PDB file of N, CA and C in Angstrom:
ATOM      1  N   MET A   1       8.502 -28.310 -28.089  1.00  0.00           N
ATOM      2  CA  MET A   1       9.085 -26.701 -26.746  1.00  0.00           C
ATOM      3  C   MET A   1       8.119 -26.897 -25.835  1.00  0.00           C
ATOM      4  N   LYS A   2       8.977 -27.359 -24.545  1.00  0.00           N
ATOM      5  CA  LYS A   2       7.990 -27.525 -23.013  1.00  0.00           C
ATOM      6  C   LYS A   2       6.728 -26.379 -23.552  1.00  0.00           C
ATOM      7  N   PRO A   3       6.421 -26.915 -22.765  1.00  0.00           N
ATOM      8  CA  PRO A   3       4.334 -25.985 -22.457  1.00  0.00           C
ATOM      9  C   PRO A   3       5.170 -25.559 -21.077  1.00  0.00           C
ATOM     10  N   LEU A   4       4.468 -24.369 -20.984  1.00  0.00           N
ATOM     11  CA  LEU A   4       4.415 -23.015 -20.226  1.00  0.00           C
ATOM     12  C   LEU A   4       3.896 -23.976 -18.336  1.00  0.00           C
ATOM     13  N   ARG A   5       4.452 -23.726 -17.554  1.00  0.00           N
ATOM     14  CA  ARG A   5       4.003 -24.320 -16.363  1.00  0.00           C
ATOM     15  C   ARG A   5       3.307 -23.789 -15.148  1.00  0.00           C
ATOM     16  N   GLN A   6       1.751 -24.079 -14.751  1.00  0.00           N
ATOM     17  CA  GLN A   6       1.330 -23.059 -14.280  1.00  0.00           C
ATOM     18  C   GLN A   6      -0.108 -22.010 -15.139  1.00  0.00           C
ATOM     19  N   GLN A   7      -0.092 -22.992 -16.216  1.00  0.00           N
ATOM     20  CA  GLN A   7      -0.895 -22.469 -17.833  1.00  0.00           C
ATOM     21  C   GLN A   7      -1.955 -21.758 -16.825  1.00  0.00           C
ATOM     22  N   ASN A   8      -2.963 -21.426 -15.748  1.00  0.00           N
ATOM     23  CA  ASN A   8      -4.552 -21.663 -15.335  1.00  0.00           C
ATOM     24  C   ASN A   8      -3.520 -20.559 -14.023  1.00  0.00           C
ATOM     25  N   ARG A   9      -2.570 -20.748 -13.537  1.00  0.00           N
ATOM     26  CA  ARG A   9      -2.647 -20.315 -12.527  1.00  0.00           C
ATOM     27  C   ARG A   9      -3.014 -18.496 -12.538  1.00  0.00           C
ATOM     28  N   GLN A  10      -4.190 -18.741 -10.958  1.00  0.00           N
ATOM     29  CA  GLN A  10      -5.471 -17.682 -10.156  1.00  0.00           C
ATOM     30  C   GLN A  10      -4.047 -15.896 -10.505  1.00  0.00           C
ATOM     31  N   VAL A  11      -4.496 -14.902 -10.794  1.00  0.00           N
ATOM     32  CA  VAL A  11      -4.260 -13.358 -10.613  1.00  0.00           C
ATOM     33  C   VAL A  11      -4.126 -13.221  -9.849  1.00  0.00           C
ATOM     34  N   ILE A  12      -3.480 -13.135  -7.945  1.00  0.00           N
ATOM     35  CA  ILE A  12      -3.460 -12.151  -7.353  1.00  0.00           C
ATOM     36  C   ILE A  12      -3.013 -11.569  -7.053  1.00  0.00           C
ATOM     37  N   SER A  13      -4.716 -10.501  -6.671  1.00  0.00           N
ATOM     38  CA  SER A  13      -4.902  -9.047  -7.286  1.00  0.00           C
ATOM     39  C   SER A  13      -3.732  -8.989  -5.243  1.00  0.00           C
ATOM     40  N   TYR A  14      -3.667  -7.645  -4.201  1.00  0.00           N
ATOM     41  CA  TYR A  14      -2.774  -7.263  -3.701  1.00  0.00           C
ATOM     42  C   TYR A  14      -3.949  -6.445  -2.671  1.00  0.00           C
ATOM     43  N   VAL A  15      -4.190  -7.334  -1.846  1.00  0.00           N
ATOM     44  CA  VAL A  15      -5.011  -6.582  -0.142  1.00  0.00           C
ATOM     45  C   VAL A  15      -4.583  -5.677   0.384  1.00  0.00           C
ATOM     46  N   PRO A  16      -4.902  -4.722   0.875  1.00  0.00           N
ATOM     47  CA  PRO A  16      -4.188  -4.129   1.873  1.00  0.00           C
ATOM     48  C   PRO A  16      -4.359  -4.560   3.006  1.00  0.00           C
ATOM     49  N   ARG A  17      -2.905  -5.049   3.639  1.00  0.00           N
ATOM     50  CA  ARG A  17      -3.393  -4.737   5.295  1.00  0.00           C
ATOM     51  C   ARG A  17      -4.123  -4.106   6.064  1.00  0.00           C
ATOM     52  N   VAL A  18      -4.973  -4.167   7.234  1.00  0.00           N
ATOM     53  CA  VAL A  18      -4.832  -3.739   7.540  1.00  0.00           C
ATOM     54  C   VAL A  18      -4.961  -3.639   9.398  1.00  0.00           C
ATOM     55  N   GLU A  19      -3.997  -2.796   9.832  1.00  0.00           N
ATOM     56  CA  GLU A  19      -3.357  -2.427  11.153  1.00  0.00           C
ATOM     57  C   GLU A  19      -3.540  -1.344  12.025  1.00  0.00           C
ATOM     58  N   PRO A  20      -3.414  -1.283  13.017  1.00  0.00           N
ATOM     59  CA  PRO A  20      -4.237  -0.372  14.089  1.00  0.00           C
ATOM     60  C   PRO A  20      -3.280   1.145  14.431  1.00  0.00           C
ATOM     61  N   ALA A  21      -2.163   0.659  13.333  1.00  0.00           N
ATOM     62  CA  ALA A  21      -0.984   2.251  13.698  1.00  0.00           C
ATOM     63  C   ALA A  21       0.397   1.548  12.403  1.00  0.00           C
ATOM     64  N   PRO A  22       0.615   2.767  11.652  1.00  0.00           N
ATOM     65  CA  PRO A  22       1.849   1.965  11.583  1.00  0.00           C
ATOM     66  C   PRO A  22       3.351   2.257  12.655  1.00  0.00           C
ATOM     67  N   PRO A  23       3.499   1.067  12.167  1.00  0.00           N
ATOM     68  CA  PRO A  23       4.766   0.771  13.318  1.00  0.00           C
ATOM     69  C   PRO A  23       5.703   1.851  13.648  1.00  0.00           C
ATOM     70  N   ASP A  24       6.316   1.729  14.725  1.00  0.00           N
ATOM     71  CA  ASP A  24       7.176   2.907  15.634  1.00  0.00           C
ATOM     72  C   ASP A  24       8.035   2.882  14.766  1.00  0.00           C
ATOM     73  N   HIS A  25       8.891   1.951  14.624  1.00  0.00           N
ATOM     74  CA  HIS A  25      10.541   1.873  13.614  1.00  0.00           C
ATOM     75  C   HIS A  25      10.240   2.803  12.596  1.00  0.00           C
ATOM     76  N   ALA A  26       9.072   2.951  11.967  1.00  0.00           N
ATOM     77  CA  ALA A  26       8.534   3.514  10.585  1.00  0.00           C
ATOM     78  C   ALA A  26       8.387   5.253  10.939  1.00  0.00           C
ATOM     79  N   LEU A  27       9.692   6.018   9.600  1.00  0.00           N
ATOM     80  CA  LEU A  27       9.828   7.968   9.189  1.00  0.00           C
ATOM     81  C   LEU A  27       8.934   8.130   8.724  1.00  0.00           C
ATOM     82  N   LYS A  28       8.249   9.089   8.579  1.00  0.00           N
ATOM     83  CA  LYS A  28       7.325   9.818   8.616  1.00  0.00           C
ATOM     84  C   LYS A  28       8.304  10.200   7.454  1.00  0.00           C
ATOM     85  N   VAL A  29       7.609  10.296   5.660  1.00  0.00           N
ATOM     86  CA  VAL A  29       8.565  11.463   4.759  1.00  0.00           C
ATOM     87  C   VAL A  29       7.679  12.357   4.764  1.00  0.00           C
ATOM     88  N   GLU A  30       9.090  13.781   4.380  1.00  0.00           N
ATOM     89  CA  GLU A  30       8.796  14.918   4.496  1.00  0.00           C
ATOM     90  C   GLU A  30       8.408  15.384   3.199  1.00  0.00           C
ATOM     91  N   GLY A  31       6.470  16.237   3.331  1.00  0.00           N
ATOM     92  CA  GLY A  31       6.743  16.354   2.276  1.00  0.00           C
ATOM     93  C   GLY A  31       5.317  15.462   1.774  1.00  0.00           C
ATOM     94  N   PHE A  32       5.709  14.167   2.138  1.00  0.00           N
ATOM     95  CA  PHE A  32       3.692  13.318   1.969  1.00  0.00           C
ATOM     96  C   PHE A  32       3.065  13.486   3.017  1.00  0.00           C
ATOM     97  N   ARG A  33       2.183  12.904   2.408  1.00  0.00           N
ATOM     98  CA  ARG A  33       0.747  12.919   3.412  1.00  0.00           C
ATOM     99  C   ARG A  33       0.476  12.041   4.304  1.00  0.00           C
ATOM    100  N   ASP A  34       0.831  10.958   3.741  1.00  0.00           N
ATOM    101  CA  ASP A  34       0.536   8.993   4.182  1.00  0.00           C
ATOM    102  C   ASP A  34       2.442   8.280   3.713  1.00  0.00           C
ATOM    103  N   VAL A  35       3.312   8.460   3.326  1.00  0.00           N
ATOM    104  CA  VAL A  35       3.970   7.780   3.553  1.00  0.00           C
ATOM    105  C   VAL A  35       5.554   8.110   4.165  1.00  0.00           C
ATOM    106  N   TRP A  36       5.502   6.339   4.776  1.00  0.00           N
ATOM    107  CA  TRP A  36       6.589   6.762   5.890  1.00  0.00           C
ATOM    108  C   TRP A  36       7.697   5.597   4.737  1.00  0.00           C
ATOM    109  N   LEU A  37       8.886   5.161   5.802  1.00  0.00           N
ATOM    110  CA  LEU A  37       9.698   5.113   5.965  1.00  0.00           C
ATOM    111  C   LEU A  37      10.359   3.615   6.082  1.00  0.00           C
ATOM    112  N   LEU A  38       9.958   2.886   5.684  1.00  0.00           N
ATOM    113  CA  LEU A  38       9.836   1.417   6.195  1.00  0.00           C
ATOM    114  C   LEU A  38      10.856  -0.019   5.808  1.00  0.00           C
ATOM    115  N   ARG A  39      12.320   0.342   6.851  1.00  0.00           N
ATOM    116  CA  ARG A  39      13.243  -0.741   5.931  1.00  0.00           C
ATOM    117  C   ARG A  39      13.638  -0.298   4.835  1.00  0.00           C
ATOM    118  N   GLY A  40      14.054   0.626   4.853  1.00  0.00           N
ATOM    119  CA  GLY A  40      14.537   1.237   3.169  1.00  0.00           C
ATOM    120  C   GLY A  40      13.095   1.224   2.025  1.00  0.00           C
ATOM    121  N   LYS A  41      13.021   0.835   2.218  1.00  0.00           N
ATOM    122  CA  LYS A  41      11.492   1.358   1.231  1.00  0.00           C
ATOM    123  C   LYS A  41      10.044   2.305   1.641  1.00  0.00           C
ATOM    124  N   TYR A  42       9.496   2.547   0.310  1.00  0.00           N
ATOM    125  CA  TYR A  42       8.284   3.557   1.023  1.00  0.00           C
ATOM    126  C   TYR A  42       7.417   2.864   1.422  1.00  0.00           C
ATOM    127  N   VAL A  43       6.505   3.279   2.493  1.00  0.00           N
ATOM    128  CA  VAL A  43       5.343   2.129   2.174  1.00  0.00           C
ATOM    129  C   VAL A  43       3.777   3.819   2.624  1.00  0.00           C
ATOM    130  N   ALA A  44       2.571   3.272   1.793  1.00  0.00           N
ATOM    131  CA  ALA A  44       1.994   4.474   2.376  1.00  0.00           C
ATOM    132  C   ALA A  44       0.685   3.461   3.398  1.00  0.00           C
ATOM    133  N   PHE A  45       0.473   4.510   4.335  1.00  0.00           N
ATOM    134  CA  PHE A  45      -1.063   4.254   5.241  1.00  0.00           C
ATOM    135  C   PHE A  45      -1.964   4.761   5.314  1.00  0.00           C
ATOM    136  N   VAL A  46      -2.332   4.444   5.100  1.00  0.00           N
ATOM    137  CA  VAL A  46      -3.729   5.473   5.077  1.00  0.00           C
ATOM    138  C   VAL A  46      -5.001   5.195   5.859  1.00  0.00           C
ATOM    139  N   LEU A  47      -5.568   5.998   7.026  1.00  0.00           N
ATOM    140  CA  LEU A  47      -6.283   5.745   8.029  1.00  0.00           C
ATOM    141  C   LEU A  47      -8.159   5.498   7.085  1.00  0.00           C
ATOM    142  N   ILE A  48      -8.797   5.060   7.650  1.00  0.00           N
ATOM    143  CA  ILE A  48      -9.858   4.432   6.855  1.00  0.00           C
ATOM    144  C   ILE A  48     -10.994   4.150   8.129  1.00  0.00           C
ATOM    145  N   GLY A  49     -11.890   4.487   8.559  1.00  0.00           N
ATOM    146  CA  GLY A  49     -12.638   4.179   9.760  1.00  0.00           C
ATOM    147  C   GLY A  49     -11.339   4.753  10.694  1.00  0.00           C
ATOM    148  N   GLU A  50     -11.375   3.260  11.611  1.00  0.00           N
ATOM    149  CA  GLU A  50     -10.812   2.985  12.812  1.00  0.00           C
ATOM    150  C   GLU A  50      -9.594   2.138  12.937  1.00  0.00           C
ATOM    151  N   HIS A  51      -8.977   1.990  11.273  1.00  0.00           N
ATOM    152  CA  HIS A  51      -7.587   1.137  10.935  1.00  0.00           C
ATOM    153  C   HIS A  51      -7.448   1.642  10.133  1.00  0.00           C
ATOM    154  N   PHE A  52      -6.107   1.301   9.427  1.00  0.00           N
ATOM    155  CA  PHE A  52      -5.308   1.559   8.746  1.00  0.00           C
ATOM    156  C   PHE A  52      -4.442   0.751   7.991  1.00  0.00           C
ATOM    157  N   ARG A  53      -5.081   1.377   6.646  1.00  0.00           N
ATOM    158  CA  ARG A  53      -4.873   0.515   5.198  1.00  0.00           C
ATOM    159  C   ARG A  53      -3.407   0.485   4.943  1.00  0.00           C
ATOM    160  N   ARG A  54      -2.786  -0.338   4.625  1.00  0.00           N
ATOM    161  CA  ARG A  54      -0.776  -0.379   4.287  1.00  0.00           C
ATOM    162  C   ARG A  54      -0.795  -0.584   3.147  1.00  0.00           C
ATOM    163  N   SER A  55       0.529   0.028   2.192  1.00  0.00           N
ATOM    164  CA  SER A  55       0.289  -0.551   0.935  1.00  0.00           C
ATOM    165  C   SER A  55       1.073  -1.355   1.273  1.00  0.00           C
ATOM    166  N   PRO A  56       1.450  -1.998  -0.339  1.00  0.00           N
ATOM    167  CA  PRO A  56       2.206  -2.745  -0.885  1.00  0.00           C
ATOM    168  C   PRO A  56       3.995  -1.330  -0.708  1.00  0.00           C
ATOM    169  N   THR A  57       5.333  -2.088  -0.910  1.00  0.00           N
ATOM    170  CA  THR A  57       6.509  -1.515  -1.017  1.00  0.00           C
ATOM    171  C   THR A  57       6.061  -1.002  -1.619  1.00  0.00           C
ATOM    172  N   PHE A  58       7.242   0.443  -2.036  1.00  0.00           N
ATOM    173  CA  PHE A  58       7.537   1.130  -3.316  1.00  0.00           C
ATOM    174  C   PHE A  58       9.166   1.330  -3.373  1.00  0.00           C
ATOM    175  N   THR A  59       9.122   1.511  -4.684  1.00  0.00           N
ATOM    176  CA  THR A  59      11.072   2.750  -4.423  1.00  0.00           C
ATOM    177  C   THR A  59      10.771   4.194  -4.234  1.00  0.00           C
ATOM    178  N   VAL A  60       9.675   3.898  -4.449  1.00  0.00           N
ATOM    179  CA  VAL A  60      10.006   5.551  -4.692  1.00  0.00           C
ATOM    180  C   VAL A  60       8.639   6.146  -4.018  1.00  0.00           C
ATOM    181  N   PRO A  61       9.020   7.590  -3.904  1.00  0.00           N
ATOM    182  CA  PRO A  61       7.555   7.760  -2.577  1.00  0.00           C
ATOM    183  C   PRO A  61       6.236   8.460  -3.120  1.00  0.00           C
ATOM    184  N   GLU A  62       6.156   8.934  -4.376  1.00  0.00           N
ATOM    185  CA  GLU A  62       5.123   8.973  -4.985  1.00  0.00           C
ATOM    186  C   GLU A  62       4.916   8.794  -5.562  1.00  0.00           C
ATOM    187  N   SER A  63       5.799   7.133  -6.126  1.00  0.00           N
ATOM    188  CA  SER A  63       4.549   5.902  -5.722  1.00  0.00           C
ATOM    189  C   SER A  63       3.030   5.581  -5.230  1.00  0.00           C
ATOM    190  N   ALA A  64       3.706   6.000  -3.755  1.00  0.00           N
ATOM    191  CA  ALA A  64       3.301   5.312  -2.470  1.00  0.00           C
ATOM    192  C   ALA A  64       2.140   6.321  -2.305  1.00  0.00           C
ATOM    193  N   GLN A  65       2.491   7.399  -2.434  1.00  0.00           N
ATOM    194  CA  GLN A  65       1.648   8.321  -2.256  1.00  0.00           C
ATOM    195  C   GLN A  65       0.795   8.222  -3.287  1.00  0.00           C
ATOM    196  N   ARG A  66       0.320   7.936  -4.138  1.00  0.00           N
ATOM    197  CA  ARG A  66      -0.424   8.029  -5.605  1.00  0.00           C
ATOM    198  C   ARG A  66      -1.429   6.389  -5.385  1.00  0.00           C
ATOM    199  N   TRP A  67      -1.008   5.474  -4.320  1.00  0.00           N
ATOM    200  CA  TRP A  67      -1.309   4.550  -4.029  1.00  0.00           C
ATOM    201  C   TRP A  67      -2.700   4.677  -3.107  1.00  0.00           C
ATOM    202  N   ALA A  68      -1.830   6.010  -1.882  1.00  0.00           N
ATOM    203  CA  ALA A  68      -2.790   6.228  -0.634  1.00  0.00           C
ATOM    204  C   ALA A  68      -3.914   7.326  -1.299  1.00  0.00           C
ATOM    205  N   MET A  69      -4.046   8.164  -2.192  1.00  0.00           N
ATOM    206  CA  MET A  69      -4.637   8.859  -2.970  1.00  0.00           C
ATOM    207  C   MET A  69      -5.998   8.167  -3.078  1.00  0.00           C
ATOM    208  N   GLN A  70      -5.107   7.292  -4.131  1.00  0.00           N
ATOM    209  CA  GLN A  70      -6.603   6.328  -4.742  1.00  0.00           C
ATOM    210  C   GLN A  70      -7.361   4.864  -3.909  1.00  0.00           C
ATOM    211  N   ILE A  71      -6.860   4.787  -2.833  1.00  0.00           N
ATOM    212  CA  ILE A  71      -7.086   4.291  -1.725  1.00  0.00           C
ATOM    213  C   ILE A  71      -8.318   5.117  -1.180  1.00  0.00           C
ATOM    214  N   ARG A  72      -8.072   5.636  -0.524  1.00  0.00           N
ATOM    215  CA  ARG A  72      -8.337   7.613  -0.264  1.00  0.00           C
ATOM    216  C   ARG A  72     -10.350   7.525  -1.963  1.00  0.00           C
ATOM    217  N   GLN A  73      -9.610   7.406  -2.634  1.00  0.00           N
ATOM    218  CA  GLN A  73     -11.173   7.928  -3.449  1.00  0.00           C
ATOM    219  C   GLN A  73     -11.829   6.491  -3.552  1.00  0.00           C
ATOM    220  N   ASP A  74     -11.250   5.287  -3.322  1.00  0.00           N
ATOM    221  CA  ASP A  74     -12.001   3.828  -4.190  1.00  0.00           C
ATOM    222  C   ASP A  74     -12.987   4.179  -2.440  1.00  0.00           C
ATOM    223  N   GLU A  75     -12.485   4.041  -1.229  1.00  0.00           N
ATOM    224  CA  GLU A  75     -13.889   4.706  -0.281  1.00  0.00           C
ATOM    225  C   GLU A  75     -14.704   5.181   0.385  1.00  0.00           C
ATOM    226  N   GLU A  76     -14.089   6.791  -0.871  1.00  0.00           N
ATOM    227  CA  GLU A  76     -15.200   7.542  -0.563  1.00  0.00           C
ATOM    228  C   GLU A  76     -15.975   7.149  -1.966  1.00  0.00           C
ATOM    229  N   VAL A  77     -16.179   6.818  -2.484  1.00  0.00           N
ATOM    230  CA  VAL A  77     -16.742   6.016  -3.794  1.00  0.00           C
ATOM    231  C   VAL A  77     -18.415   5.079  -2.772  1.00  0.00           C
ATOM    232  N   GLU A  78     -17.809   4.021  -2.715  1.00  0.00           N
ATOM    233  CA  GLU A  78     -17.937   2.702  -1.742  1.00  0.00           C
ATOM    234  C   GLU A  78     -19.135   3.436  -0.191  1.00  0.00           C
ATOM    235  N   GLU A  79     -18.302   4.540  -0.049  1.00  0.00           N
ATOM    236  CA  GLU A  79     -19.016   5.013   1.701  1.00  0.00           C
ATOM    237  C   GLU A  79     -21.118   5.812   1.008  1.00  0.00           C
TER     238      GLU A  79
END
């Protein structure tokens, strides 16, 4: 058997992007506090300090909202 390639490859975790505001072409999803529809995917934008943190894309809005709630909790602990 051939050995698997890139065996010692580092796992990259997602670092939220920092943006000044949700983009103009994003549509706010009704019923969710932080979820926007962006190019057919759901993205959460959370206001932390003076900037927004952007989540990775999700296929369901509930997942994006859970991500936003987790970010809020993490930020509260650090302050």
